[in-house]
Amino acid sequence: MPIIKSAIKRVKQATKRRERNVNVKKDIKSAVKAFFAKPSQTTLSAAQSEIDTAVKKKLINKNTAARRKASLAKAAK
């Protein structure tokens, strides 16, 4: 554990950010699984929305998001 006050704060901030990021990634996975379990327009849009949210928060690259959304759209056809 860090001793310096600013380092302690950085550890707390990093922990909060990590929890937030993990939750967003879990939301993506659950939305995609829900889509593949029951493919419909609403589950497709929910999965794409979760992917877009992750891109906005810079958790995944925009090209990765485009690839994932394209595979979802392909599966929807």
Protein backbone atom coordinates (compact mmCIF):
# COMPACT_ATOMS: atom_id res chain seq x y z
CA MET A 1 0.00 0.00 0.00
CA PRO A 2 1.20 3.48 -0.78
CA ILE A 3 2.19 5.84 1.98
CA ILE A 4 2.04 9.13 0.09
CA LYS A 5 -1.33 10.85 0.26
CA SER A 6 -1.65 11.44 -3.49
CA ALA A 7 -0.74 7.82 -4.22
CA ILE A 8 -3.45 6.63 -1.83
CA LYS A 9 -5.95 8.81 -3.68
CA ARG A 10 -4.82 7.42 -7.04
CA VAL A 11 -5.35 3.87 -5.79
CA LYS A 12 -8.90 4.75 -4.70
CA GLN A 13 -9.64 6.42 -8.03
CA ALA A 14 -8.23 3.52 -10.01
CA THR A 15 -10.35 1.08 -8.02
CA LYS A 16 -13.54 3.06 -8.66
CA ARG A 17 -12.77 3.37 -12.37
CA ARG A 18 -11.96 -0.31 -12.67
CA GLU A 19 -15.27 -1.31 -11.06
CA ARG A 20 -17.15 1.03 -13.38
CA ASN A 21 -15.34 -0.30 -16.45
CA VAL A 22 -15.88 -3.93 -15.46
CA ASN A 23 -19.61 -3.25 -15.03
CA VAL A 24 -19.88 -1.68 -18.48
CA LYS A 25 -18.09 -4.63 -20.06
CA LYS A 26 -20.38 -7.05 -18.20
CA ASP A 27 -23.37 -5.12 -19.54
CA ILE A 28 -22.04 -5.58 -23.09
CA LYS A 29 -21.59 -9.30 -22.61
CA SER A 30 -25.02 -9.79 -21.08
CA ALA A 31 -26.71 -7.74 -23.83
CA VAL A 32 -24.96 -9.72 -26.57
CA LYS A 33 -25.85 -13.02 -24.89
CA ALA A 34 -29.46 -11.87 -24.59
CA PHE A 35 -29.48 -11.06 -28.30
CA PHE A 36 -28.11 -14.45 -29.31
CA ALA A 37 -30.52 -16.21 -26.94
CA LYS A 38 -33.54 -14.37 -28.38
CA PRO A 39 -32.71 -12.47 -31.58
CA SER A 40 -35.07 -9.55 -32.09
CA GLN A 41 -34.89 -5.91 -33.03
CA THR A 42 -35.10 -4.73 -29.41
CA THR A 43 -32.30 -7.00 -28.18
CA LEU A 44 -30.17 -6.02 -31.17
CA SER A 45 -30.60 -2.32 -30.48
CA ALA A 46 -29.89 -2.87 -26.77
CA ALA A 47 -26.65 -4.71 -27.55
CA GLN A 48 -25.56 -2.05 -30.04
CA SER A 49 -26.39 0.66 -27.53
CA GLU A 50 -24.21 -0.98 -24.87
CA ILE A 51 -21.34 -1.21 -27.36
CA ASP A 52 -21.76 2.47 -28.26
CA THR A 53 -21.71 3.38 -24.57
CA ALA A 54 -18.41 1.55 -24.13
CA VAL A 55 -16.93 3.43 -27.10
CA LYS A 56 -18.08 6.75 -25.67
CA LYS A 57 -16.36 5.89 -22.38
CA LYS A 58 -13.25 4.77 -24.34
CA LEU A 59 -13.36 1.22 -23.00
CA ILE A 60 -13.22 -0.36 -26.43
CA ASN A 61 -11.83 0.93 -29.69
CA LYS A 62 -14.31 2.26 -32.26
CA ASN A 63 -13.13 -0.25 -34.87
CA THR A 64 -13.66 -3.09 -32.40
CA ALA A 65 -17.15 -1.75 -31.75
CA ALA A 66 -17.86 -1.54 -35.47
CA ARG A 67 -16.73 -5.13 -35.94
CA ARG A 68 -18.91 -6.37 -33.07
CA LYS A 69 -21.94 -4.42 -34.27
CA ALA A 70 -21.46 -5.75 -37.79
CA SER A 71 -21.38 -9.33 -36.54
CA LEU A 72 -24.57 -8.69 -34.55
CA ALA A 73 -26.26 -7.23 -37.63
CA LYS A 74 -25.12 -10.19 -39.70
CA ALA A 75 -26.56 -12.58 -37.14
CA ALA A 76 -29.84 -10.64 -37.14
CA LYS A 77 -30.39 -11.24 -40.86
